[in-house]
Amino acid sequence: MQTQVSVINERVRISLSGRFDFNAHRTFKSAYEDQIRSQEVSAIEIDLGNVDYLDSAALGMLLLLRDQASSAHKTVILSNCRGVVQQILDIANFKKLFTIQ
């Protein structure tokens, strides 16, 4: 999995591409760790538009991010969800836990 981090005002966008699975744990955590600690960041957007595979480990990583962000008074937004990724998020009922755009 590849990540790209960009900052737009107080929102950080972490764009993911490829397979978002257990093997992406370190890469994903490295992408958001500094953003959780930053006082300038109020929201973290995870752009899933170029993710072609998502498994239960990825769902767990998103939940862990949500918990850490919540503790730091930040929101997590999932964006550009479509296809199989959208179906998996729907089945997992993530629309009740995250803002999905």
Protein backbone atom coordinates (compact mmCIF):
# COMPACT_ATOMS: atom_id res chain seq x y z
CA MET A 1 0.00 0.00 0.00
CA GLN A 2 1.13 3.53 -0.78
CA THR A 3 0.26 6.61 1.26
CA GLN A 4 0.36 10.29 0.45
CA VAL A 5 -0.22 12.93 3.14
CA SER A 6 -1.40 16.44 2.31
CA VAL A 7 -2.59 19.26 4.56
CA ILE A 8 -5.49 21.54 3.66
CA ASN A 9 -6.07 24.12 6.40
CA GLU A 10 -6.84 22.13 9.57
CA ARG A 11 -7.62 18.91 7.69
CA VAL A 12 -5.03 16.30 6.83
CA ARG A 13 -5.78 14.03 3.89
CA ILE A 14 -4.11 10.65 3.86
CA SER A 15 -4.60 9.14 0.41
CA LEU A 16 -4.19 5.38 0.26
CA SER A 17 -3.68 3.21 -2.80
CA GLY A 18 -3.36 -0.52 -3.36
CA ARG A 19 -4.15 -3.25 -0.85
CA PHE A 20 -5.17 -2.03 2.60
CA ASP A 21 -4.56 -5.13 4.71
CA PHE A 22 -2.53 -6.34 7.70
CA ASN A 23 0.74 -5.83 5.84
CA ALA A 24 -0.04 -2.09 5.63
CA HIS A 25 -0.18 -1.63 9.41
CA ARG A 26 3.18 0.13 9.84
CA THR A 27 2.75 2.27 6.74
CA PHE A 28 -0.73 3.38 7.79
CA LYS A 29 0.27 4.10 11.39
CA SER A 30 3.31 6.11 10.25
CA ALA A 31 1.05 8.22 8.02
CA TYR A 32 -1.23 9.35 10.86
CA GLU A 33 0.91 9.30 14.03
CA ASP A 34 2.27 12.84 13.69
CA GLN A 35 -1.15 14.13 12.65
CA ILE A 36 -2.74 12.85 15.87
CA ARG A 37 -0.20 14.81 17.92
CA SER A 38 -0.41 18.01 15.86
CA GLN A 39 -2.30 20.86 17.52
CA GLU A 40 -3.04 22.41 14.10
CA VAL A 41 -4.99 19.39 12.86
CA SER A 42 -8.69 19.07 13.68
CA ALA A 43 -9.69 16.38 11.18
CA ILE A 44 -8.03 13.44 9.47
CA GLU A 45 -9.46 12.38 6.13
CA ILE A 46 -8.68 8.91 4.86
CA ASP A 47 -9.07 8.91 1.07
CA LEU A 48 -9.91 5.35 0.00
CA GLY A 49 -10.49 6.18 -3.68
CA ASN A 50 -7.51 4.17 -4.92
CA VAL A 51 -7.81 1.24 -2.50
CA ASP A 52 -8.63 -1.94 -4.39
CA TYR A 53 -8.75 -4.33 -1.43
CA LEU A 54 -9.76 -3.91 2.22
CA ASP A 55 -9.80 -6.66 4.85
CA SER A 56 -10.82 -7.00 8.50
CA ALA A 57 -7.35 -5.91 9.66
CA ALA A 58 -7.82 -2.64 7.76
CA LEU A 59 -11.18 -2.14 9.46
CA GLY A 60 -9.45 -2.66 12.79
CA MET A 61 -6.78 -0.11 11.87
CA LEU A 62 -9.47 2.43 10.99
CA LEU A 63 -11.17 1.81 14.35
CA LEU A 64 -7.87 2.22 16.17
CA LEU A 65 -7.28 5.50 14.34
CA ARG A 66 -10.80 6.64 15.27
CA ASP A 67 -10.18 5.89 18.96
CA GLN A 68 -6.83 7.69 19.00
CA ALA A 69 -8.22 10.66 17.08
CA SER A 70 -11.19 10.88 19.42
CA SER A 71 -8.87 10.95 22.43
CA ALA A 72 -7.01 13.84 20.76
CA HIS A 73 -10.32 15.65 19.97
CA LYS A 74 -10.03 15.10 16.23
CA THR A 75 -12.51 13.67 13.77
CA VAL A 76 -11.89 10.98 11.15
CA ILE A 77 -13.53 11.18 7.75
CA LEU A 78 -13.54 8.37 5.18
CA SER A 79 -13.77 9.68 1.63
CA ASN A 80 -14.07 8.43 -1.95
CA CYS A 81 -15.40 5.04 -0.85
CA ARG A 82 -16.73 3.05 -3.80
CA GLY A 83 -17.11 -0.42 -5.18
CA VAL A 84 -15.95 -3.28 -3.00
CA VAL A 85 -14.54 -0.89 -0.38
CA GLN A 86 -17.96 0.78 0.01
CA GLN A 87 -19.66 -2.63 0.27
CA ILE A 88 -17.30 -3.76 3.03
CA LEU A 89 -17.80 -0.52 4.96
CA ASP A 90 -21.57 -0.90 4.59
CA ILE A 91 -21.50 -4.50 5.82
CA ALA A 92 -19.35 -3.45 8.80
CA ASN A 93 -21.84 -0.64 9.50
CA PHE A 94 -19.05 1.95 9.52
CA LYS A 95 -21.50 4.72 8.54
CA LYS A 96 -22.58 4.75 12.19
CA LEU A 97 -18.99 5.21 13.39
CA PHE A 98 -17.46 7.50 10.78
CA THR A 99 -18.36 10.42 8.59
CA ILE A 100 -18.28 8.93 5.09
CA GLN A 101 -18.11 11.32 2.15
